[in-house]
Amino acid sequence: MLLNLPLSRSRLDRAAHLRADSAGLDELWRAAKVISMVGDKFKTTADGLAFIDPVSAPGERYFLGLDRSGTPYFVTHQSAGDIDLQEFQSLRTIGANLNDLEIGAAVHALALTQWHEAHQRCAKCGESTHSTFAGAVRECDKCGASHHPRTDPAIIVLVKDDKDRILLGRQKIWPAKRFSTFAGFVEPGESFESCVIREVEEECGGKVSDMKYLGSQPWPFPASIMIAYEAIITNPDSVKADGEEIEEIIWLTREELHTKTLSGDLLLPPIISVARAMINAWYGPSASDELRGGESWRN
């Protein structure tokens, strides 16, 4: 069974066929629910995303899609500058509290706005670019080249042994006591499965004998998609941290994970992460109640 991953939920039809219709988009804009972003943060209320009036919405606008009732959704985006960010929050902070409609819109909005902000120049000739097709394309002002958003694939893997223990690792850059699953970017010309085998061997010396695909979810921090696997290794007694990226590893039974999270000796990945979803699924139905010993983002 595939995991129900938090950031993969979405109830928006992206309605790509509408992106070339400028007049139609102007009409949709007047009836739209508009998300406001500054930098990588969202304007929020106590209940979730704040939707602002299209008439007064500042910044560049990008079309996100239609909900089931046909209501259009857009995002407007501004660079941070001197704007007061008191009412704005990161998706890392609010993601776990958003409903399916809001999370789908927010993930799309964050990935799209960060791509636009980072690609103001043409990769072919170096000249300026502008947004077109409702934000789905940037076009060069000089050579006319079209540039489309890109997503970087990365695998993430829950390593297990034949006793159904899991192996977690700690990166040097993480806060103390923070442990998670193993992950890495797919290299050019590499399959997802080959990447799983390579990353597990590089980070802990594990020899993968079997693997199972669990699901995928976007990770727009700024532009990744995480492809999740679990993998059995044949040499659990000889694994060790690589000492470069991973400085410590630990084998855990369910009882040990529960005890360490409860005592604060081990911090888990955040609720919206693929890593946490994989750990919770392995732990079982009581994970949401019993694995409450703390969670931490990286520094």
C-alpha atoms as a PDB file:
ATOM      1  CA  MET A   1       0.000   0.000   0.000  1.00  0.00           C
ATOM      2  CA  LEU A   2       1.308   3.448  -0.908  1.00  0.00           C
ATOM      3  CA  LEU A   3       1.768   5.975   1.855  1.00  0.00           C
ATOM      4  CA  ASN A   4      -0.702   8.828   2.250  1.00  0.00           C
ATOM      5  CA  LEU A   5       1.931  11.559   2.185  1.00  0.00           C
ATOM      6  CA  PRO A   6       1.052  14.958   3.681  1.00  0.00           C
ATOM      7  CA  LEU A   7       2.202  17.243   0.853  1.00  0.00           C
ATOM      8  CA  SER A   8       0.788  15.024  -1.906  1.00  0.00           C
ATOM      9  CA  ARG A   9      -2.773  15.919  -1.011  1.00  0.00           C
ATOM     10  CA  SER A  10      -4.445  18.264  -3.496  1.00  0.00           C
ATOM     11  CA  ARG A  11      -7.958  19.146  -4.562  1.00  0.00           C
ATOM     12  CA  LEU A  12      -7.076  21.669  -7.267  1.00  0.00           C
ATOM     13  CA  ASP A  13      -7.438  21.036 -10.995  1.00  0.00           C
ATOM     14  CA  ARG A  14      -4.439  22.861 -12.477  1.00  0.00           C
ATOM     15  CA  ALA A  15      -6.488  23.570 -15.630  1.00  0.00           C
ATOM     16  CA  ALA A  16      -3.437  23.981 -17.882  1.00  0.00           C
ATOM     17  CA  HIS A  17      -5.674  24.580 -20.902  1.00  0.00           C
ATOM     18  CA  LEU A  18      -6.602  28.004 -19.482  1.00  0.00           C
ATOM     19  CA  ARG A  19      -3.050  29.338 -19.186  1.00  0.00           C
ATOM     20  CA  ALA A  20      -2.838  30.753 -22.722  1.00  0.00           C
ATOM     21  CA  ASP A  21      -6.175  32.628 -22.518  1.00  0.00           C
ATOM     22  CA  SER A  22      -5.217  36.090 -21.238  1.00  0.00           C
ATOM     23  CA  ALA A  23      -8.732  37.501 -21.399  1.00  0.00           C
ATOM     24  CA  GLY A  24     -10.175  34.443 -19.697  1.00  0.00           C
ATOM     25  CA  LEU A  25      -7.544  34.634 -16.958  1.00  0.00           C
ATOM     26  CA  ASP A  26      -8.398  38.286 -16.338  1.00  0.00           C
ATOM     27  CA  GLU A  27     -12.021  37.273 -15.852  1.00  0.00           C
ATOM     28  CA  LEU A  28     -11.037  34.432 -13.532  1.00  0.00           C
ATOM     29  CA  TRP A  29      -8.824  36.813 -11.562  1.00  0.00           C
ATOM     30  CA  ARG A  30     -11.770  39.022 -10.663  1.00  0.00           C
ATOM     31  CA  ALA A  31     -13.527  36.050  -9.008  1.00  0.00           C
ATOM     32  CA  ALA A  32     -10.403  34.395  -7.588  1.00  0.00           C
ATOM     33  CA  LYS A  33      -9.283  33.304  -4.168  1.00  0.00           C
ATOM     34  CA  VAL A  34      -5.808  34.802  -3.949  1.00  0.00           C
ATOM     35  CA  ILE A  35      -2.928  33.548  -1.807  1.00  0.00           C
ATOM     36  CA  SER A  36      -0.444  36.254  -0.841  1.00  0.00           C
ATOM     37  CA  MET A  37       3.258  35.393  -0.568  1.00  0.00           C
ATOM     38  CA  VAL A  38       6.329  37.398   0.357  1.00  0.00           C
ATOM     39  CA  GLY A  39       9.574  35.575  -0.306  1.00  0.00           C
ATOM     40  CA  ASP A  40       8.890  31.984   0.741  1.00  0.00           C
ATOM     41  CA  LYS A  41       6.212  32.844   3.320  1.00  0.00           C
ATOM     42  CA  PHE A  42       2.407  32.854   3.172  1.00  0.00           C
ATOM     43  CA  LYS A  43      -0.031  35.354   4.603  1.00  0.00           C
ATOM     44  CA  THR A  44      -2.053  33.443   7.184  1.00  0.00           C
ATOM     45  CA  THR A  45      -4.925  33.666   9.618  1.00  0.00           C
ATOM     46  CA  ALA A  46      -5.524  31.664  12.786  1.00  0.00           C
ATOM     47  CA  ASP A  47      -7.376  29.102  10.629  1.00  0.00           C
ATOM     48  CA  GLY A  48      -4.889  28.647   7.775  1.00  0.00           C
ATOM     49  CA  LEU A  49      -4.115  30.530   4.582  1.00  0.00           C
ATOM     50  CA  ALA A  50      -5.385  34.076   4.229  1.00  0.00           C
ATOM     51  CA  PHE A  51      -7.131  34.765   0.908  1.00  0.00           C
ATOM     52  CA  ILE A  52      -6.926  38.407  -0.124  1.00  0.00           C
ATOM     53  CA  ASP A  53      -9.036  40.629  -2.388  1.00  0.00           C
ATOM     54  CA  PRO A  54      -7.838  40.445  -6.031  1.00  0.00           C
ATOM     55  CA  VAL A  55      -8.419  44.189  -6.432  1.00  0.00           C
ATOM     56  CA  SER A  56      -5.721  45.063  -3.912  1.00  0.00           C
ATOM     57  CA  ALA A  57      -3.433  42.045  -4.348  1.00  0.00           C
ATOM     58  CA  PRO A  58       0.192  43.212  -4.770  1.00  0.00           C
ATOM     59  CA  GLY A  59       2.987  41.496  -6.669  1.00  0.00           C
ATOM     60  CA  GLU A  60       3.199  39.217  -9.697  1.00  0.00           C
ATOM     61  CA  ARG A  61       0.261  36.865 -10.121  1.00  0.00           C
ATOM     62  CA  TYR A  62       0.374  33.200 -11.118  1.00  0.00           C
ATOM     63  CA  PHE A  63      -2.557  30.888 -11.824  1.00  0.00           C
ATOM     64  CA  LEU A  64      -2.812  27.764  -9.644  1.00  0.00           C
ATOM     65  CA  GLY A  65      -6.029  26.148 -10.857  1.00  0.00           C
ATOM     66  CA  LEU A  66      -9.719  25.579 -10.106  1.00  0.00           C
ATOM     67  CA  ASP A  67     -11.417  23.868  -7.212  1.00  0.00           C
ATOM     68  CA  ARG A  68     -14.315  21.437  -7.691  1.00  0.00           C
ATOM     69  CA  SER A  69     -16.851  24.273  -7.720  1.00  0.00           C
ATOM     70  CA  GLY A  70     -14.920  26.092 -10.467  1.00  0.00           C
ATOM     71  CA  THR A  71     -13.516  28.786  -8.153  1.00  0.00           C
ATOM     72  CA  PRO A  72     -10.130  29.960  -9.493  1.00  0.00           C
ATOM     73  CA  TYR A  73      -7.032  30.153  -7.288  1.00  0.00           C
ATOM     74  CA  PHE A  74      -4.052  32.429  -7.855  1.00  0.00           C
ATOM     75  CA  VAL A  75      -0.959  33.380  -5.897  1.00  0.00           C
ATOM     76  CA  THR A  76       0.618  36.816  -5.824  1.00  0.00           C
ATOM     77  CA  HIS A  77       4.285  37.080  -4.966  1.00  0.00           C
ATOM     78  CA  GLN A  78       6.641  39.821  -3.796  1.00  0.00           C
ATOM     79  CA  SER A  79      10.284  39.732  -2.778  1.00  0.00           C
ATOM     80  CA  ALA A  80      10.792  40.227   0.939  1.00  0.00           C
ATOM     81  CA  GLY A  81      12.410  43.675   0.927  1.00  0.00           C
ATOM     82  CA  ASP A  82      11.107  45.886   3.747  1.00  0.00           C
ATOM     83  CA  ILE A  83       7.672  44.237   4.008  1.00  0.00           C
ATOM     84  CA  ASP A  84       6.410  43.494   7.516  1.00  0.00           C
ATOM     85  CA  LEU A  85       6.276  39.695   7.790  1.00  0.00           C
ATOM     86  CA  GLN A  86       4.381  39.530  11.073  1.00  0.00           C
ATOM     87  CA  GLU A  87       1.322  37.925   9.409  1.00  0.00           C
ATOM     88  CA  PHE A  88       3.374  35.603   7.175  1.00  0.00           C
ATOM     89  CA  GLN A  89       4.512  32.051   7.935  1.00  0.00           C
ATOM     90  CA  SER A  90       6.535  29.319   6.238  1.00  0.00           C
ATOM     91  CA  LEU A  91       4.919  26.192   4.809  1.00  0.00           C
ATOM     92  CA  ARG A  92       7.174  24.295   7.209  1.00  0.00           C
ATOM     93  CA  THR A  93       5.264  25.930  10.066  1.00  0.00           C
ATOM     94  CA  ILE A  94       1.683  25.756   8.792  1.00  0.00           C
ATOM     95  CA  GLY A  95       1.747  22.713   6.488  1.00  0.00           C
ATOM     96  CA  ALA A  96       0.510  20.169   9.027  1.00  0.00           C
ATOM     97  CA  ASN A  97      -2.586  22.273   9.741  1.00  0.00           C
ATOM     98  CA  LEU A  98      -3.791  22.887   6.175  1.00  0.00           C
ATOM     99  CA  ASN A  99      -6.663  20.986   4.556  1.00  0.00           C
ATOM    100  CA  ASP A 100      -6.282  19.089   1.277  1.00  0.00           C
ATOM    101  CA  LEU A 101      -7.301  22.057  -0.856  1.00  0.00           C
ATOM    102  CA  GLU A 102      -5.023  24.523   0.902  1.00  0.00           C
ATOM    103  CA  ILE A 103      -1.992  22.236   1.015  1.00  0.00           C
ATOM    104  CA  GLY A 104      -2.212  21.488  -2.699  1.00  0.00           C
ATOM    105  CA  ALA A 105      -2.462  25.180  -3.514  1.00  0.00           C
ATOM    106  CA  ALA A 106       0.325  26.115  -1.098  1.00  0.00           C
ATOM    107  CA  VAL A 107       2.793  23.500  -2.359  1.00  0.00           C
ATOM    108  CA  HIS A 108       2.174  24.567  -5.965  1.00  0.00           C
ATOM    109  CA  ALA A 109       2.443  28.247  -5.022  1.00  0.00           C
ATOM    110  CA  LEU A 110       5.698  27.840  -3.125  1.00  0.00           C
ATOM    111  CA  ALA A 111       7.412  25.777  -5.817  1.00  0.00           C
ATOM    112  CA  LEU A 112       6.259  28.133  -8.586  1.00  0.00           C
ATOM    113  CA  THR A 113       7.146  31.416  -6.883  1.00  0.00           C
ATOM    114  CA  GLN A 114      10.592  30.191  -5.817  1.00  0.00           C
ATOM    115  CA  TRP A 115      11.311  29.095  -9.389  1.00  0.00           C
ATOM    116  CA  HIS A 116      10.311  32.495 -10.763  1.00  0.00           C
ATOM    117  CA  GLU A 117      12.414  34.308  -8.195  1.00  0.00           C
ATOM    118  CA  ALA A 118      15.485  32.217  -9.037  1.00  0.00           C
ATOM    119  CA  HIS A 119      15.178  32.343 -12.835  1.00  0.00           C
ATOM    120  CA  GLN A 120      15.104  35.997 -13.759  1.00  0.00           C
ATOM    121  CA  ARG A 121      17.778  35.446 -16.435  1.00  0.00           C
ATOM    122  CA  CYS A 122      17.818  33.287 -19.550  1.00  0.00           C
ATOM    123  CA  ALA A 123      19.929  30.144 -19.241  1.00  0.00           C
ATOM    124  CA  LYS A 124      20.824  30.376 -22.950  1.00  0.00           C
ATOM    125  CA  CYS A 125      21.836  34.002 -23.459  1.00  0.00           C
ATOM    126  CA  GLY A 126      21.813  35.560 -19.991  1.00  0.00           C
ATOM    127  CA  GLU A 127      19.257  38.268 -20.752  1.00  0.00           C
ATOM    128  CA  SER A 128      16.176  39.059 -18.667  1.00  0.00           C
ATOM    129  CA  THR A 129      13.053  36.893 -18.754  1.00  0.00           C
ATOM    130  CA  HIS A 130       9.384  37.535 -18.097  1.00  0.00           C
ATOM    131  CA  SER A 131       6.513  35.401 -16.890  1.00  0.00           C
ATOM    132  CA  THR A 132       3.977  34.112 -19.416  1.00  0.00           C
ATOM    133  CA  PHE A 133       1.295  31.403 -19.679  1.00  0.00           C
ATOM    134  CA  ALA A 134      -0.121  32.457 -16.306  1.00  0.00           C
ATOM    135  CA  GLY A 135       3.204  31.783 -14.603  1.00  0.00           C
ATOM    136  CA  ALA A 136       3.853  28.346 -16.105  1.00  0.00           C
ATOM    137  CA  VAL A 137       6.676  29.609 -18.377  1.00  0.00           C
ATOM    138  CA  ARG A 138       9.389  32.280 -18.390  1.00  0.00           C
ATOM    139  CA  GLU A 139      10.309  33.680 -21.795  1.00  0.00           C
ATOM    140  CA  CYS A 140      13.554  35.403 -22.679  1.00  0.00           C
ATOM    141  CA  ASP A 141      13.198  39.072 -23.611  1.00  0.00           C
ATOM    142  CA  LYS A 142      16.001  38.794 -26.185  1.00  0.00           C
ATOM    143  CA  CYS A 143      16.245  35.325 -27.751  1.00  0.00           C
ATOM    144  CA  GLY A 144      12.658  34.236 -27.030  1.00  0.00           C
ATOM    145  CA  ALA A 145      13.666  30.947 -25.392  1.00  0.00           C
ATOM    146  CA  SER A 146      10.994  29.398 -23.208  1.00  0.00           C
ATOM    147  CA  HIS A 147      11.974  28.100 -19.777  1.00  0.00           C
ATOM    148  CA  HIS A 148       9.775  25.744 -17.753  1.00  0.00           C
ATOM    149  CA  PRO A 149       9.859  24.957 -14.028  1.00  0.00           C
ATOM    150  CA  ARG A 150      12.055  22.024 -13.110  1.00  0.00           C
ATOM    151  CA  THR A 151      11.854  19.596 -10.212  1.00  0.00           C
ATOM    152  CA  ASP A 152      14.894  17.820  -8.757  1.00  0.00           C
ATOM    153  CA  PRO A 153      14.202  14.137  -7.976  1.00  0.00           C
ATOM    154  CA  ALA A 154      15.575  12.728  -4.735  1.00  0.00           C
ATOM    155  CA  ILE A 155      15.134   9.303  -3.204  1.00  0.00           C
ATOM    156  CA  ILE A 156      14.428   8.819   0.490  1.00  0.00           C
ATOM    157  CA  VAL A 157      14.727   5.372   2.016  1.00  0.00           C
ATOM    158  CA  LEU A 158      13.756   3.659   5.251  1.00  0.00           C
ATOM    159  CA  VAL A 159      16.524   1.108   5.846  1.00  0.00           C
ATOM    160  CA  LYS A 160      15.517  -2.098   7.669  1.00  0.00           C
ATOM    161  CA  ASP A 161      17.053  -5.428   8.651  1.00  0.00           C
ATOM    162  CA  ASP A 162      15.525  -8.906   8.639  1.00  0.00           C
ATOM    163  CA  LYS A 163      14.367  -8.391  12.258  1.00  0.00           C
ATOM    164  CA  ASP A 164      12.249  -5.387  11.180  1.00  0.00           C
ATOM    165  CA  ARG A 165      14.419  -2.858  12.980  1.00  0.00           C
ATOM    166  CA  ILE A 166      14.948   0.510  11.275  1.00  0.00           C
ATOM    167  CA  LEU A 167      18.229   2.360  10.815  1.00  0.00           C
ATOM    168  CA  LEU A 168      18.215   6.136  11.254  1.00  0.00           C
ATOM    169  CA  GLY A 169      21.068   8.564  10.733  1.00  0.00           C
ATOM    170  CA  ARG A 170      22.060  12.016  11.956  1.00  0.00           C
ATOM    171  CA  GLN A 171      23.571  14.642   9.689  1.00  0.00           C
ATOM    172  CA  LYS A 172      26.207  16.986  11.055  1.00  0.00           C
ATOM    173  CA  ILE A 173      24.177  20.068  10.135  1.00  0.00           C
ATOM    174  CA  TRP A 174      21.110  18.969  12.116  1.00  0.00           C
ATOM    175  CA  PRO A 175      20.229  19.993  15.661  1.00  0.00           C
ATOM    176  CA  ALA A 176      21.463  17.690  18.414  1.00  0.00           C
ATOM    177  CA  LYS A 177      19.507  14.420  18.759  1.00  0.00           C
ATOM    178  CA  ARG A 178      17.753  14.834  15.393  1.00  0.00           C
ATOM    179  CA  PHE A 179      17.643  11.550  13.445  1.00  0.00           C
ATOM    180  CA  SER A 180      15.971  10.694  10.162  1.00  0.00           C
ATOM    181  CA  THR A 181      15.956   8.337   7.204  1.00  0.00           C
ATOM    182  CA  PHE A 182      18.586   8.335   4.442  1.00  0.00           C
ATOM    183  CA  ALA A 183      18.147  10.410   1.288  1.00  0.00           C
ATOM    184  CA  GLY A 184      19.969  11.833  -1.703  1.00  0.00           C
ATOM    185  CA  PHE A 185      19.518  13.418  -5.109  1.00  0.00           C
ATOM    186  CA  VAL A 186      19.251  11.295  -8.231  1.00  0.00           C
ATOM    187  CA  GLU A 187      22.306  11.859 -10.416  1.00  0.00           C
ATOM    188  CA  PRO A 188      22.187  12.333 -14.225  1.00  0.00           C
ATOM    189  CA  GLY A 189      21.497   9.059 -16.033  1.00  0.00           C
ATOM    190  CA  GLU A 190      20.623   7.239 -12.794  1.00  0.00           C
ATOM    191  CA  SER A 191      17.412   5.336 -12.019  1.00  0.00           C
ATOM    192  CA  PHE A 192      15.580   5.742  -8.724  1.00  0.00           C
ATOM    193  CA  GLU A 193      16.437   2.169  -7.740  1.00  0.00           C
ATOM    194  CA  SER A 194      20.127   2.605  -8.514  1.00  0.00           C
ATOM    195  CA  CYS A 195      20.108   5.784  -6.467  1.00  0.00           C
ATOM    196  CA  VAL A 196      18.657   3.906  -3.474  1.00  0.00           C
ATOM    197  CA  ILE A 197      21.429   1.308  -3.670  1.00  0.00           C
ATOM    198  CA  ARG A 198      24.157   3.939  -4.090  1.00  0.00           C
ATOM    199  CA  GLU A 199      22.973   6.301  -1.341  1.00  0.00           C
ATOM    200  CA  VAL A 200      22.519   3.550   1.248  1.00  0.00           C
ATOM    201  CA  GLU A 201      26.000   2.215   0.524  1.00  0.00           C
ATOM    202  CA  GLU A 202      27.590   5.676   0.527  1.00  0.00           C
ATOM    203  CA  GLU A 203      25.994   6.892   3.752  1.00  0.00           C
ATOM    204  CA  CYS A 204      26.192   3.775   5.928  1.00  0.00           C
ATOM    205  CA  GLY A 205      27.797   0.948   3.941  1.00  0.00           C
ATOM    206  CA  GLY A 206      24.525  -0.973   3.741  1.00  0.00           C
ATOM    207  CA  LYS A 207      24.083  -3.612   1.013  1.00  0.00           C
ATOM    208  CA  VAL A 208      20.524  -3.458  -0.298  1.00  0.00           C
ATOM    209  CA  SER A 209      18.981  -6.863  -1.070  1.00  0.00           C
ATOM    210  CA  ASP A 210      15.362  -5.823  -1.600  1.00  0.00           C
ATOM    211  CA  MET A 211      13.397  -2.612  -1.889  1.00  0.00           C
ATOM    212  CA  LYS A 212       9.769  -1.505  -2.129  1.00  0.00           C
ATOM    213  CA  TYR A 213       8.334   1.728  -3.536  1.00  0.00           C
ATOM    214  CA  LEU A 214       6.189   3.591  -0.981  1.00  0.00           C
ATOM    215  CA  GLY A 215       5.081   6.774  -2.759  1.00  0.00           C
ATOM    216  CA  SER A 216       6.225  10.294  -3.598  1.00  0.00           C
ATOM    217  CA  GLN A 217       5.520  13.853  -2.596  1.00  0.00           C
ATOM    218  CA  PRO A 218       6.685  17.298  -3.653  1.00  0.00           C
ATOM    219  CA  TRP A 219       9.194  18.974  -1.369  1.00  0.00           C
ATOM    220  CA  PRO A 220       9.281  22.612  -2.520  1.00  0.00           C
ATOM    221  CA  PHE A 221      12.217  23.744  -0.379  1.00  0.00           C
ATOM    222  CA  PRO A 222      12.877  24.904  -3.025  1.00  0.00           C
ATOM    223  CA  ALA A 223      12.272  22.405  -5.864  1.00  0.00           C
ATOM    224  CA  SER A 224      12.448  18.701  -5.094  1.00  0.00           C
ATOM    225  CA  ILE A 225      10.223  15.674  -5.306  1.00  0.00           C
ATOM    226  CA  MET A 226      10.915  12.895  -2.824  1.00  0.00           C
ATOM    227  CA  ILE A 227      10.568   9.308  -4.089  1.00  0.00           C
ATOM    228  CA  ALA A 228      10.137   7.043  -1.065  1.00  0.00           C
ATOM    229  CA  TYR A 229      11.337   3.462  -0.674  1.00  0.00           C
ATOM    230  CA  GLU A 230      11.957   1.005   2.096  1.00  0.00           C
ATOM    231  CA  ALA A 231      14.976  -1.261   1.699  1.00  0.00           C
ATOM    232  CA  ILE A 232      16.265  -4.371   3.421  1.00  0.00           C
ATOM    233  CA  ILE A 233      20.033  -4.642   3.862  1.00  0.00           C
ATOM    234  CA  THR A 234      22.037  -7.851   4.300  1.00  0.00           C
ATOM    235  CA  ASN A 235      24.831  -6.546   6.554  1.00  0.00           C
ATOM    236  CA  PRO A 236      23.191  -4.834   9.558  1.00  0.00           C
ATOM    237  CA  ASP A 237      26.101  -5.637  11.882  1.00  0.00           C
ATOM    238  CA  SER A 238      28.753  -3.935   9.760  1.00  0.00           C
ATOM    239  CA  VAL A 239      27.087  -0.625   8.845  1.00  0.00           C
ATOM    240  CA  LYS A 240      28.646   2.606  10.059  1.00  0.00           C
ATOM    241  CA  ALA A 241      28.189   6.318   9.437  1.00  0.00           C
ATOM    242  CA  ASP A 242      30.224   7.645   6.520  1.00  0.00           C
ATOM    243  CA  GLY A 243      31.658  10.409   8.725  1.00  0.00           C
ATOM    244  CA  GLU A 244      31.114  13.030   6.034  1.00  0.00           C
ATOM    245  CA  GLU A 245      27.397  13.664   5.647  1.00  0.00           C
ATOM    246  CA  ILE A 246      26.231  11.217   8.329  1.00  0.00           C
ATOM    247  CA  GLU A 247      27.984  11.383  11.694  1.00  0.00           C
ATOM    248  CA  GLU A 248      25.927   8.868  13.686  1.00  0.00           C
ATOM    249  CA  ILE A 249      23.561   5.978  12.997  1.00  0.00           C
ATOM    250  CA  ILE A 250      21.285   3.985  15.261  1.00  0.00           C
ATOM    251  CA  TRP A 251      19.256   0.774  14.943  1.00  0.00           C
ATOM    252  CA  LEU A 252      15.832   0.956  16.600  1.00  0.00           C
ATOM    253  CA  THR A 253      13.024  -1.397  17.510  1.00  0.00           C
ATOM    254  CA  ARG A 254       9.558   0.086  17.975  1.00  0.00           C
ATOM    255  CA  GLU A 255       9.937  -0.006  21.740  1.00  0.00           C
ATOM    256  CA  GLU A 256      13.309   1.723  21.587  1.00  0.00           C
ATOM    257  CA  LEU A 257      11.994   4.435  19.258  1.00  0.00           C
ATOM    258  CA  HIS A 258       9.051   5.074  21.569  1.00  0.00           C
ATOM    259  CA  THR A 259      11.264   5.290  24.654  1.00  0.00           C
ATOM    260  CA  LYS A 260      13.846   7.590  23.065  1.00  0.00           C
ATOM    261  CA  THR A 261      11.313  10.024  21.580  1.00  0.00           C
ATOM    262  CA  LEU A 262       9.367  10.143  24.835  1.00  0.00           C
ATOM    263  CA  SER A 263      12.499  10.930  26.855  1.00  0.00           C
ATOM    264  CA  GLY A 264      13.735  13.531  24.376  1.00  0.00           C
ATOM    265  CA  ASP A 265      16.855  11.534  23.555  1.00  0.00           C
ATOM    266  CA  LEU A 266      15.790  11.422  19.898  1.00  0.00           C
ATOM    267  CA  LEU A 267      14.048  14.062  17.794  1.00  0.00           C
ATOM    268  CA  LEU A 268      12.012  12.995  14.784  1.00  0.00           C
ATOM    269  CA  PRO A 269      11.568  14.667  11.395  1.00  0.00           C
ATOM    270  CA  PRO A 270       8.562  17.036  11.095  1.00  0.00           C
ATOM    271  CA  ILE A 271       5.021  15.791  10.544  1.00  0.00           C
ATOM    272  CA  ILE A 272       4.824  16.974   6.909  1.00  0.00           C
ATOM    273  CA  SER A 273       8.006  15.171   5.847  1.00  0.00           C
ATOM    274  CA  VAL A 274       8.198  11.903   3.924  1.00  0.00           C
ATOM    275  CA  ALA A 275      10.665  10.612   6.500  1.00  0.00           C
ATOM    276  CA  ARG A 276       8.160  11.014   9.318  1.00  0.00           C
ATOM    277  CA  ALA A 277       5.409   9.359   7.281  1.00  0.00           C
ATOM    278  CA  MET A 278       7.656   6.354   6.613  1.00  0.00           C
ATOM    279  CA  ILE A 279       8.668   6.054  10.265  1.00  0.00           C
ATOM    280  CA  ASN A 280       5.048   6.351  11.427  1.00  0.00           C
ATOM    281  CA  ALA A 281       3.849   3.751   8.920  1.00  0.00           C
ATOM    282  CA  TRP A 282       6.529   1.299  10.082  1.00  0.00           C
ATOM    283  CA  TYR A 283       5.735   1.975  13.753  1.00  0.00           C
ATOM    284  CA  GLY A 284       2.020   1.291  13.279  1.00  0.00           C
ATOM    285  CA  PRO A 285      -1.429   2.847  13.884  1.00  0.00           C
ATOM    286  CA  SER A 286      -0.520   4.191  17.324  1.00  0.00           C
ATOM    287  CA  ALA A 287       2.351   6.333  15.984  1.00  0.00           C
ATOM    288  CA  SER A 288       0.408   9.601  16.086  1.00  0.00           C
ATOM    289  CA  ASP A 289      -0.344   9.086  19.774  1.00  0.00           C
ATOM    290  CA  GLU A 290       2.888   7.477  20.954  1.00  0.00           C
ATOM    291  CA  LEU A 291       5.618   9.226  18.925  1.00  0.00           C
ATOM    292  CA  ARG A 292       5.186  12.619  20.505  1.00  0.00           C
ATOM    293  CA  GLY A 293       8.623  13.068  21.963  1.00  0.00           C
ATOM    294  CA  GLY A 294       9.478  16.053  19.802  1.00  0.00           C
ATOM    295  CA  GLU A 295      10.340  16.857  16.234  1.00  0.00           C
ATOM    296  CA  SER A 296      12.830  19.203  14.677  1.00  0.00           C
ATOM    297  CA  TRP A 297      13.625  20.912  11.402  1.00  0.00           C
ATOM    298  CA  ARG A 298      17.225  21.237  10.380  1.00  0.00           C
ATOM    299  CA  ASN A 299      19.008  24.468  11.326  1.00  0.00           C
END
